[in-house]
Amino acid sequence: MSLSFPSSVCSQPQSHFNSSLLSPIQRADFLLMQSLNDDALLLYQSLIVKDGTSGYAFRGLVRAYKGLGRLGDAESWLESYLAGNPDSSPALYALGYIFYLKEDMKRAEELFNKALELDANNALALNNLSVVLLSQKSYAQAVNLVHQAIRVNPKEPMFFSNLETIYKRMGDPDLIVTDYNFYLKQEEDPDLIRGYGMAVGRSLRQSSFRLYNEGHLDQTILKWVEIERIYKEIDHEAGLVPVYFSLGLLHEEKDDRQNAKKYFNRVLMLNPLHIQAKERLDDLG
């Protein structure tokens, strides 16, 4: 099963990227992404010693140790930390995460539950406990836990991705669409609606790739039109650029030059510097 995990830095830096503009936790995540595990580890440790409230710092620490092939040292470090901070929910979560990585699900479950006894709103523990329960095919409990994690932090894409994974394992991937439509009608927190909308967009995009590979061009186009509708509903303007470019390419493949031009022009309305859209329009004449 493929599951998503958090990172405060979500994309590769451009050539002009300035890491000094990042927060300390983002700098640590950036170092981890570059496989600079030693440097990342030192920064995560300093963040935890200074203020041990960030579950992401604890999780990053475990990931850095894992990258160094030293999960045993991570376990020792956390046990030492817990000796002086026995009521640390983030540390208990991180220790549980180590056992999860070791595939000791029983011990992981115990530690995630202990973390949640101390802090019922530990979203990372809620999310990881849901994965453990998913491995036991306790689908309803797993879904409930991820819903709780999303309520705590609706800005974390990982939670929505994992909820979608659970729905797929249940054999009903369209439930993510049901959730989105429900919260949209309820006029819930915009971050919550946006998170579900982005998850639905990813699901539709995957469906479109499958349909395209099967040769169903018209159905593929309909999927992208549906993504366009959702991205407009959640005000995801940046996401519309690849949507319109894809629609332009698909219509061009259909030899529908008029619609192809329409969508490439929409790309340029949102991003006048989009070189590929300009090239396609030039070729279409």
C-alpha atoms as a PDB file:
ATOM      1  CA  MET A   1       0.000   0.000   0.000  1.00  0.00           C
ATOM      2  CA  SER A   2       1.340   3.428  -0.893  1.00  0.00           C
ATOM      3  CA  LEU A   3       0.762   6.132   1.670  1.00  0.00           C
ATOM      4  CA  SER A   4       1.777   9.756   1.791  1.00  0.00           C
ATOM      5  CA  PHE A   5       3.832  11.365   4.518  1.00  0.00           C
ATOM      6  CA  PRO A   6       4.275  15.023   5.404  1.00  0.00           C
ATOM      7  CA  SER A   7       6.911  17.475   4.381  1.00  0.00           C
ATOM      8  CA  SER A   8       6.851  21.205   4.953  1.00  0.00           C
ATOM      9  CA  VAL A   9       8.746  21.653   1.684  1.00  0.00           C
ATOM     10  CA  CYS A  10       6.605  20.122  -1.035  1.00  0.00           C
ATOM     11  CA  SER A  11       8.515  20.654  -4.255  1.00  0.00           C
ATOM     12  CA  GLN A  12      12.000  20.765  -5.638  1.00  0.00           C
ATOM     13  CA  PRO A  13      13.571  24.224  -5.500  1.00  0.00           C
ATOM     14  CA  GLN A  14      14.057  26.328  -8.585  1.00  0.00           C
ATOM     15  CA  SER A  15      17.510  27.616  -9.480  1.00  0.00           C
ATOM     16  CA  HIS A  16      16.760  30.898  -7.682  1.00  0.00           C
ATOM     17  CA  PHE A  17      15.491  29.148  -4.535  1.00  0.00           C
ATOM     18  CA  ASN A  18      16.595  30.886  -1.313  1.00  0.00           C
ATOM     19  CA  SER A  19      16.529  28.477   1.633  1.00  0.00           C
ATOM     20  CA  SER A  20      17.187  31.334   4.069  1.00  0.00           C
ATOM     21  CA  LEU A  21      13.552  32.367   3.627  1.00  0.00           C
ATOM     22  CA  LEU A  22      12.349  29.099   5.162  1.00  0.00           C
ATOM     23  CA  SER A  23      11.336  28.572   8.760  1.00  0.00           C
ATOM     24  CA  PRO A  24      13.615  26.310  10.855  1.00  0.00           C
ATOM     25  CA  ILE A  25      11.346  23.269  10.402  1.00  0.00           C
ATOM     26  CA  GLN A  26      11.142  23.945   6.672  1.00  0.00           C
ATOM     27  CA  ARG A  27      14.947  24.203   6.490  1.00  0.00           C
ATOM     28  CA  ALA A  28      15.243  20.854   8.238  1.00  0.00           C
ATOM     29  CA  ASP A  29      12.738  19.306   5.820  1.00  0.00           C
ATOM     30  CA  PHE A  30      14.623  20.865   2.911  1.00  0.00           C
ATOM     31  CA  LEU A  31      17.895  19.307   4.111  1.00  0.00           C
ATOM     32  CA  LEU A  32      16.138  15.958   4.471  1.00  0.00           C
ATOM     33  CA  MET A  33      14.818  16.188   0.913  1.00  0.00           C
ATOM     34  CA  GLN A  34      18.391  16.737  -0.276  1.00  0.00           C
ATOM     35  CA  SER A  35      19.450  13.577   1.632  1.00  0.00           C
ATOM     36  CA  LEU A  36      21.605  15.724   3.925  1.00  0.00           C
ATOM     37  CA  ASN A  37      20.487  13.540   6.793  1.00  0.00           C
ATOM     38  CA  ASP A  38      23.236  14.473   9.279  1.00  0.00           C
ATOM     39  CA  ASP A  39      22.532  18.189   8.942  1.00  0.00           C
ATOM     40  CA  ALA A  40      18.786  17.624   9.057  1.00  0.00           C
ATOM     41  CA  LEU A  41      19.105  15.460  12.160  1.00  0.00           C
ATOM     42  CA  LEU A  42      21.063  18.118  14.058  1.00  0.00           C
ATOM     43  CA  LEU A  43      18.469  20.745  13.189  1.00  0.00           C
ATOM     44  CA  TYR A  44      15.531  18.528  14.178  1.00  0.00           C
ATOM     45  CA  GLN A  45      17.248  17.711  17.484  1.00  0.00           C
ATOM     46  CA  SER A  46      17.871  21.379  18.235  1.00  0.00           C
ATOM     47  CA  LEU A  47      14.249  22.225  17.453  1.00  0.00           C
ATOM     48  CA  ILE A  48      13.011  19.492  19.776  1.00  0.00           C
ATOM     49  CA  VAL A  49      15.343  20.499  22.618  1.00  0.00           C
ATOM     50  CA  LYS A  50      14.284  24.131  22.219  1.00  0.00           C
ATOM     51  CA  ASP A  51      10.547  23.432  21.974  1.00  0.00           C
ATOM     52  CA  GLY A  52       9.399  19.816  21.926  1.00  0.00           C
ATOM     53  CA  THR A  53       5.837  20.501  20.792  1.00  0.00           C
ATOM     54  CA  SER A  54       6.142  19.932  17.039  1.00  0.00           C
ATOM     55  CA  GLY A  55       5.173  16.460  15.919  1.00  0.00           C
ATOM     56  CA  TYR A  56       6.708  17.276  12.545  1.00  0.00           C
ATOM     57  CA  ALA A  57      10.123  17.880  14.140  1.00  0.00           C
ATOM     58  CA  PHE A  58       9.913  14.501  15.880  1.00  0.00           C
ATOM     59  CA  ARG A  59       8.805  12.815  12.702  1.00  0.00           C
ATOM     60  CA  GLY A  60      11.591  14.463  10.750  1.00  0.00           C
ATOM     61  CA  LEU A  61      14.082  13.264  13.341  1.00  0.00           C
ATOM     62  CA  VAL A  62      12.957   9.673  12.797  1.00  0.00           C
ATOM     63  CA  ARG A  63      13.144  10.065   9.035  1.00  0.00           C
ATOM     64  CA  ALA A  64      16.668  11.509   9.266  1.00  0.00           C
ATOM     65  CA  TYR A  65      17.822   8.605  11.439  1.00  0.00           C
ATOM     66  CA  LYS A  66      16.177   6.204   8.992  1.00  0.00           C
ATOM     67  CA  GLY A  67      18.023   7.840   6.095  1.00  0.00           C
ATOM     68  CA  LEU A  68      21.252   7.224   7.965  1.00  0.00           C
ATOM     69  CA  GLY A  69      20.301   3.598   8.592  1.00  0.00           C
ATOM     70  CA  ARG A  70      20.217   4.234  12.342  1.00  0.00           C
ATOM     71  CA  LEU A  71      16.673   3.561  13.518  1.00  0.00           C
ATOM     72  CA  GLY A  72      18.078   1.905  16.633  1.00  0.00           C
ATOM     73  CA  ASP A  73      19.776   5.190  17.553  1.00  0.00           C
ATOM     74  CA  ALA A  74      16.506   7.020  16.953  1.00  0.00           C
ATOM     75  CA  GLU A  75      14.774   4.693  19.395  1.00  0.00           C
ATOM     76  CA  SER A  76      17.491   5.286  22.021  1.00  0.00           C
ATOM     77  CA  TRP A  77      17.351   9.068  21.527  1.00  0.00           C
ATOM     78  CA  LEU A  78      13.585   9.151  21.957  1.00  0.00           C
ATOM     79  CA  GLU A  79      13.630   6.880  24.991  1.00  0.00           C
ATOM     80  CA  SER A  80      16.187   9.191  26.583  1.00  0.00           C
ATOM     81  CA  TYR A  81      14.019  12.201  25.745  1.00  0.00           C
ATOM     82  CA  LEU A  82      10.937  10.499  27.187  1.00  0.00           C
ATOM     83  CA  ALA A  83      12.801   9.723  30.412  1.00  0.00           C
ATOM     84  CA  GLY A  84      12.884  13.458  31.045  1.00  0.00           C
ATOM     85  CA  ASN A  85       9.591  14.247  29.294  1.00  0.00           C
ATOM     86  CA  PRO A  86       7.268  11.313  29.976  1.00  0.00           C
ATOM     87  CA  ASP A  87       4.139  13.270  29.030  1.00  0.00           C
ATOM     88  CA  SER A  88       5.349  14.197  25.536  1.00  0.00           C
ATOM     89  CA  SER A  89       2.673  13.141  23.078  1.00  0.00           C
ATOM     90  CA  PRO A  90       4.850  14.038  20.029  1.00  0.00           C
ATOM     91  CA  ALA A  91       7.734  11.896  21.343  1.00  0.00           C
ATOM     92  CA  LEU A  92       5.453   8.916  21.969  1.00  0.00           C
ATOM     93  CA  TYR A  93       4.058   9.343  18.471  1.00  0.00           C
ATOM     94  CA  ALA A  94       7.604   9.371  17.027  1.00  0.00           C
ATOM     95  CA  LEU A  95       8.549   6.249  18.968  1.00  0.00           C
ATOM     96  CA  GLY A  96       5.412   4.591  17.633  1.00  0.00           C
ATOM     97  CA  TYR A  97       6.429   5.654  14.143  1.00  0.00           C
ATOM     98  CA  ILE A  98       9.760   3.846  14.582  1.00  0.00           C
ATOM     99  CA  PHE A  99       7.951   0.615  15.438  1.00  0.00           C
ATOM    100  CA  TYR A 100       5.618   1.201  12.487  1.00  0.00           C
ATOM    101  CA  LEU A 101       8.676   1.407  10.233  1.00  0.00           C
ATOM    102  CA  LYS A 102       9.943  -1.803  11.813  1.00  0.00           C
ATOM    103  CA  GLU A 103       6.549  -3.349  11.007  1.00  0.00           C
ATOM    104  CA  ASP A 104       5.876  -4.048  14.698  1.00  0.00           C
ATOM    105  CA  MET A 105       2.258  -2.938  14.422  1.00  0.00           C
ATOM    106  CA  LYS A 106       1.249  -4.089  17.904  1.00  0.00           C
ATOM    107  CA  ARG A 107       3.860  -1.911  19.627  1.00  0.00           C
ATOM    108  CA  ALA A 108       3.200   0.964  17.219  1.00  0.00           C
ATOM    109  CA  GLU A 109      -0.516   0.851  18.024  1.00  0.00           C
ATOM    110  CA  GLU A 110       0.203   0.911  21.768  1.00  0.00           C
ATOM    111  CA  LEU A 111       2.415   3.972  21.454  1.00  0.00           C
ATOM    112  CA  PHE A 112       0.059   5.862  19.137  1.00  0.00           C
ATOM    113  CA  ASN A 113      -2.752   5.260  21.632  1.00  0.00           C
ATOM    114  CA  LYS A 114      -0.560   6.506  24.487  1.00  0.00           C
ATOM    115  CA  ALA A 115       0.239   9.628  22.477  1.00  0.00           C
ATOM    116  CA  LEU A 116      -3.481  10.217  21.932  1.00  0.00           C
ATOM    117  CA  GLU A 117      -4.279   9.705  25.619  1.00  0.00           C
ATOM    118  CA  LEU A 118      -2.012  12.669  26.320  1.00  0.00           C
ATOM    119  CA  ASP A 119      -3.227  14.744  23.354  1.00  0.00           C
ATOM    120  CA  ALA A 120      -6.412  13.693  21.566  1.00  0.00           C
ATOM    121  CA  ASN A 121      -5.617  16.263  18.857  1.00  0.00           C
ATOM    122  CA  ASN A 122      -2.246  14.790  17.880  1.00  0.00           C
ATOM    123  CA  ALA A 123      -3.112  14.670  14.183  1.00  0.00           C
ATOM    124  CA  LEU A 124      -0.014  12.734  13.147  1.00  0.00           C
ATOM    125  CA  ALA A 125      -0.740  10.028  15.726  1.00  0.00           C
ATOM    126  CA  LEU A 126      -4.370   9.869  14.591  1.00  0.00           C
ATOM    127  CA  ASN A 127      -3.253   9.466  10.995  1.00  0.00           C
ATOM    128  CA  ASN A 128      -0.643   6.791  11.702  1.00  0.00           C
ATOM    129  CA  LEU A 129      -2.983   4.860  13.979  1.00  0.00           C
ATOM    130  CA  SER A 130      -5.452   4.791  11.101  1.00  0.00           C
ATOM    131  CA  VAL A 131      -2.785   3.108   8.946  1.00  0.00           C
ATOM    132  CA  VAL A 132      -2.243   0.453  11.609  1.00  0.00           C
ATOM    133  CA  LEU A 133      -5.983  -0.205  11.779  1.00  0.00           C
ATOM    134  CA  LEU A 134      -6.156  -0.309   7.997  1.00  0.00           C
ATOM    135  CA  SER A 135      -3.601  -3.130   8.057  1.00  0.00           C
ATOM    136  CA  GLN A 136      -6.087  -4.951  10.327  1.00  0.00           C
ATOM    137  CA  LYS A 137      -8.903  -4.188   7.849  1.00  0.00           C
ATOM    138  CA  SER A 138     -10.686  -2.106  10.521  1.00  0.00           C
ATOM    139  CA  TYR A 139     -11.907   0.256   7.827  1.00  0.00           C
ATOM    140  CA  ALA A 140     -14.570   2.193   9.748  1.00  0.00           C
ATOM    141  CA  GLN A 141     -12.176   2.970  12.603  1.00  0.00           C
ATOM    142  CA  ALA A 142      -9.420   3.928  10.183  1.00  0.00           C
ATOM    143  CA  VAL A 143     -11.717   6.331   8.330  1.00  0.00           C
ATOM    144  CA  ASN A 144     -12.904   7.880  11.583  1.00  0.00           C
ATOM    145  CA  LEU A 145      -9.343   8.520  12.741  1.00  0.00           C
ATOM    146  CA  VAL A 146      -8.306  10.202   9.486  1.00  0.00           C
ATOM    147  CA  HIS A 147     -11.449  12.349   9.602  1.00  0.00           C
ATOM    148  CA  GLN A 148     -10.365  13.457  13.063  1.00  0.00           C
ATOM    149  CA  ALA A 149      -6.857  14.236  11.824  1.00  0.00           C
ATOM    150  CA  ILE A 150      -8.298  16.302   8.979  1.00  0.00           C
ATOM    151  CA  ARG A 151     -10.477  18.233  11.410  1.00  0.00           C
ATOM    152  CA  VAL A 152      -7.402  19.066  13.487  1.00  0.00           C
ATOM    153  CA  ASN A 153      -5.298  20.114  10.485  1.00  0.00           C
ATOM    154  CA  PRO A 154      -7.225  20.486   7.209  1.00  0.00           C
ATOM    155  CA  LYS A 155      -4.136  22.010   5.558  1.00  0.00           C
ATOM    156  CA  GLU A 156      -2.216  18.697   5.553  1.00  0.00           C
ATOM    157  CA  PRO A 157      -2.538  17.043   2.099  1.00  0.00           C
ATOM    158  CA  MET A 158      -1.178  13.756   3.447  1.00  0.00           C
ATOM    159  CA  PHE A 159      -4.321  13.154   5.494  1.00  0.00           C
ATOM    160  CA  PHE A 160      -6.592  13.501   2.474  1.00  0.00           C
ATOM    161  CA  SER A 161      -4.350  11.237   0.395  1.00  0.00           C
ATOM    162  CA  ASN A 162      -4.418   8.591   3.087  1.00  0.00           C
ATOM    163  CA  LEU A 163      -8.193   8.833   3.406  1.00  0.00           C
ATOM    164  CA  GLU A 164      -8.448   8.258  -0.339  1.00  0.00           C
ATOM    165  CA  THR A 165      -6.147   5.228   0.021  1.00  0.00           C
ATOM    166  CA  ILE A 166      -8.404   3.770   2.715  1.00  0.00           C
ATOM    167  CA  TYR A 167     -11.485   4.281   0.552  1.00  0.00           C
ATOM    168  CA  LYS A 168      -9.744   2.479  -2.303  1.00  0.00           C
ATOM    169  CA  ARG A 169      -8.805  -0.419  -0.037  1.00  0.00           C
ATOM    170  CA  MET A 170     -12.467  -0.563   0.991  1.00  0.00           C
ATOM    171  CA  GLY A 171     -13.379  -0.904  -2.682  1.00  0.00           C
ATOM    172  CA  ASP A 172     -15.236   2.422  -2.839  1.00  0.00           C
ATOM    173  CA  PRO A 173     -12.846   5.147  -4.089  1.00  0.00           C
ATOM    174  CA  ASP A 174     -15.747   7.464  -4.959  1.00  0.00           C
ATOM    175  CA  LEU A 175     -16.357   8.093  -1.249  1.00  0.00           C
ATOM    176  CA  ILE A 176     -13.782  10.901  -1.412  1.00  0.00           C
ATOM    177  CA  VAL A 177     -16.097  12.630  -3.915  1.00  0.00           C
ATOM    178  CA  THR A 178     -19.052  12.065  -1.579  1.00  0.00           C
ATOM    179  CA  ASP A 179     -17.107  13.705   1.260  1.00  0.00           C
ATOM    180  CA  TYR A 180     -16.194  16.671  -0.917  1.00  0.00           C
ATOM    181  CA  ASN A 181     -19.775  17.257  -2.071  1.00  0.00           C
ATOM    182  CA  PHE A 182     -21.072  16.938   1.498  1.00  0.00           C
ATOM    183  CA  TYR A 183     -18.694  19.528   2.965  1.00  0.00           C
ATOM    184  CA  LEU A 184     -19.179  21.826  -0.024  1.00  0.00           C
ATOM    185  CA  LYS A 185     -22.938  21.875   0.591  1.00  0.00           C
ATOM    186  CA  GLN A 186     -22.403  22.413   4.315  1.00  0.00           C
ATOM    187  CA  GLU A 187     -20.243  25.466   3.527  1.00  0.00           C
ATOM    188  CA  GLU A 188     -17.567  24.165   5.856  1.00  0.00           C
ATOM    189  CA  ASP A 189     -14.113  25.592   6.583  1.00  0.00           C
ATOM    190  CA  PRO A 190     -12.574  26.643   3.219  1.00  0.00           C
ATOM    191  CA  ASP A 191      -9.361  24.769   4.069  1.00  0.00           C
ATOM    192  CA  LEU A 192     -11.387  21.594   4.625  1.00  0.00           C
ATOM    193  CA  ILE A 193     -13.245  21.984   1.334  1.00  0.00           C
ATOM    194  CA  ARG A 194     -10.034  22.785  -0.500  1.00  0.00           C
ATOM    195  CA  GLY A 195      -8.301  19.707   0.913  1.00  0.00           C
ATOM    196  CA  TYR A 196     -11.106  17.423  -0.223  1.00  0.00           C
ATOM    197  CA  GLY A 197     -11.280  19.171  -3.589  1.00  0.00           C
ATOM    198  CA  MET A 198      -7.567  18.659  -4.169  1.00  0.00           C
ATOM    199  CA  ALA A 199      -7.936  14.978  -3.265  1.00  0.00           C
ATOM    200  CA  VAL A 200     -10.823  14.592  -5.712  1.00  0.00           C
ATOM    201  CA  GLY A 201      -8.747  16.335  -8.369  1.00  0.00           C
ATOM    202  CA  ARG A 202      -5.906  13.845  -7.862  1.00  0.00           C
ATOM    203  CA  SER A 203      -8.345  10.941  -8.087  1.00  0.00           C
ATOM    204  CA  LEU A 204      -9.895  12.261 -11.292  1.00  0.00           C
ATOM    205  CA  ARG A 205      -6.454  12.858 -12.777  1.00  0.00           C
ATOM    206  CA  GLN A 206      -5.478   9.242 -12.122  1.00  0.00           C
ATOM    207  CA  SER A 207      -8.719   8.104 -13.763  1.00  0.00           C
ATOM    208  CA  SER A 208      -7.993  10.307 -16.767  1.00  0.00           C
ATOM    209  CA  PHE A 209      -4.568   8.723 -17.247  1.00  0.00           C
ATOM    210  CA  ARG A 210      -6.109   5.272 -17.180  1.00  0.00           C
ATOM    211  CA  LEU A 211      -8.799   6.235 -19.667  1.00  0.00           C
ATOM    212  CA  TYR A 212      -6.239   7.854 -21.952  1.00  0.00           C
ATOM    213  CA  ASN A 213      -4.033   4.758 -21.910  1.00  0.00           C
ATOM    214  CA  GLU A 214      -7.098   2.723 -22.843  1.00  0.00           C
ATOM    215  CA  GLY A 215      -7.717   5.004 -25.822  1.00  0.00           C
ATOM    216  CA  HIS A 216     -10.862   6.737 -24.497  1.00  0.00           C
ATOM    217  CA  LEU A 217     -10.042  10.283 -25.553  1.00  0.00           C
ATOM    218  CA  ASP A 218     -13.513  11.818 -25.116  1.00  0.00           C
ATOM    219  CA  GLN A 219     -13.919  10.335 -21.635  1.00  0.00           C
ATOM    220  CA  THR A 220     -10.460  11.588 -20.720  1.00  0.00           C
ATOM    221  CA  ILE A 221     -11.476  15.103 -21.714  1.00  0.00           C
ATOM    222  CA  LEU A 222     -14.597  14.865 -19.552  1.00  0.00           C
ATOM    223  CA  LYS A 223     -12.452  13.975 -16.534  1.00  0.00           C
ATOM    224  CA  TRP A 224     -10.305  17.065 -17.044  1.00  0.00           C
ATOM    225  CA  VAL A 225     -13.413  19.245 -17.445  1.00  0.00           C
ATOM    226  CA  GLU A 226     -14.600  17.876 -14.102  1.00  0.00           C
ATOM    227  CA  ILE A 227     -11.250  18.752 -12.534  1.00  0.00           C
ATOM    228  CA  GLU A 228     -11.632  22.264 -13.959  1.00  0.00           C
ATOM    229  CA  ARG A 229     -15.034  22.617 -12.276  1.00  0.00           C
ATOM    230  CA  ILE A 230     -13.719  21.494  -8.898  1.00  0.00           C
ATOM    231  CA  TYR A 231     -10.616  23.690  -9.037  1.00  0.00           C
ATOM    232  CA  LYS A 232     -12.853  26.675  -9.755  1.00  0.00           C
ATOM    233  CA  GLU A 233     -15.057  25.765  -6.784  1.00  0.00           C
ATOM    234  CA  ILE A 234     -12.063  25.678  -4.428  1.00  0.00           C
ATOM    235  CA  ASP A 235     -10.396  28.696  -6.061  1.00  0.00           C
ATOM    236  CA  HIS A 236      -7.281  26.741  -7.051  1.00  0.00           C
ATOM    237  CA  GLU A 237      -6.203  29.040  -9.868  1.00  0.00           C
ATOM    238  CA  ALA A 238      -2.644  27.708 -10.093  1.00  0.00           C
ATOM    239  CA  GLY A 239      -4.033  24.214 -10.655  1.00  0.00           C
ATOM    240  CA  LEU A 240      -6.052  25.411 -13.620  1.00  0.00           C
ATOM    241  CA  VAL A 241      -2.895  26.042 -15.664  1.00  0.00           C
ATOM    242  CA  PRO A 242      -1.997  22.337 -16.119  1.00  0.00           C
ATOM    243  CA  VAL A 243      -5.703  21.524 -16.496  1.00  0.00           C
ATOM    244  CA  TYR A 244      -6.123  23.925 -19.403  1.00  0.00           C
ATOM    245  CA  PHE A 245      -2.839  22.855 -20.984  1.00  0.00           C
ATOM    246  CA  SER A 246      -3.900  19.196 -20.803  1.00  0.00           C
ATOM    247  CA  LEU A 247      -7.275  20.027 -22.328  1.00  0.00           C
ATOM    248  CA  GLY A 248      -5.514  21.919 -25.106  1.00  0.00           C
ATOM    249  CA  LEU A 249      -3.310  18.927 -25.893  1.00  0.00           C
ATOM    250  CA  LEU A 250      -6.233  16.517 -25.811  1.00  0.00           C
ATOM    251  CA  HIS A 251      -8.312  18.639 -28.169  1.00  0.00           C
ATOM    252  CA  GLU A 252      -5.300  19.057 -30.438  1.00  0.00           C
ATOM    253  CA  GLU A 253      -4.971  15.273 -30.520  1.00  0.00           C
ATOM    254  CA  LYS A 254      -8.642  15.129 -31.566  1.00  0.00           C
ATOM    255  CA  ASP A 255      -7.781  17.608 -34.324  1.00  0.00           C
ATOM    256  CA  ASP A 256     -10.189  20.086 -32.712  1.00  0.00           C
ATOM    257  CA  ARG A 257      -8.036  23.120 -33.371  1.00  0.00           C
ATOM    258  CA  GLN A 258     -10.604  25.656 -32.184  1.00  0.00           C
ATOM    259  CA  ASN A 259     -10.944  24.177 -28.719  1.00  0.00           C
ATOM    260  CA  ALA A 260      -7.215  23.493 -28.518  1.00  0.00           C
ATOM    261  CA  LYS A 261      -6.516  27.186 -29.149  1.00  0.00           C
ATOM    262  CA  LYS A 262      -9.174  28.169 -26.615  1.00  0.00           C
ATOM    263  CA  TYR A 263      -7.543  26.195 -23.839  1.00  0.00           C
ATOM    264  CA  PHE A 264      -3.975  27.210 -24.689  1.00  0.00           C
ATOM    265  CA  ASN A 265      -5.133  30.844 -24.598  1.00  0.00           C
ATOM    266  CA  ARG A 266      -6.663  30.207 -21.161  1.00  0.00           C
ATOM    267  CA  VAL A 267      -3.270  28.941 -20.021  1.00  0.00           C
ATOM    268  CA  LEU A 268      -1.655  32.173 -21.149  1.00  0.00           C
ATOM    269  CA  MET A 269      -4.327  34.276 -19.459  1.00  0.00           C
ATOM    270  CA  LEU A 270      -3.293  32.729 -16.153  1.00  0.00           C
ATOM    271  CA  ASN A 271       0.407  32.391 -16.940  1.00  0.00           C
ATOM    272  CA  PRO A 272       1.602  34.650 -19.786  1.00  0.00           C
ATOM    273  CA  LEU A 273       5.099  33.131 -19.539  1.00  0.00           C
ATOM    274  CA  HIS A 274       3.983  29.559 -20.265  1.00  0.00           C
ATOM    275  CA  ILE A 275       6.401  28.703 -23.083  1.00  0.00           C
ATOM    276  CA  GLN A 276       4.807  25.398 -24.115  1.00  0.00           C
ATOM    277  CA  ALA A 277       1.353  26.948 -24.530  1.00  0.00           C
ATOM    278  CA  LYS A 278       2.867  29.678 -26.725  1.00  0.00           C
ATOM    279  CA  GLU A 279       4.618  27.043 -28.837  1.00  0.00           C
ATOM    280  CA  ARG A 280       1.421  25.037 -29.291  1.00  0.00           C
ATOM    281  CA  LEU A 281      -0.487  28.152 -30.392  1.00  0.00           C
ATOM    282  CA  ASP A 282       2.262  29.034 -32.862  1.00  0.00           C
ATOM    283  CA  ASP A 283       2.108  25.539 -34.334  1.00  0.00           C
ATOM    284  CA  LEU A 284      -1.681  25.710 -34.608  1.00  0.00           C
ATOM    285  CA  GLY A 285      -1.406  29.001 -36.490  1.00  0.00           C
END
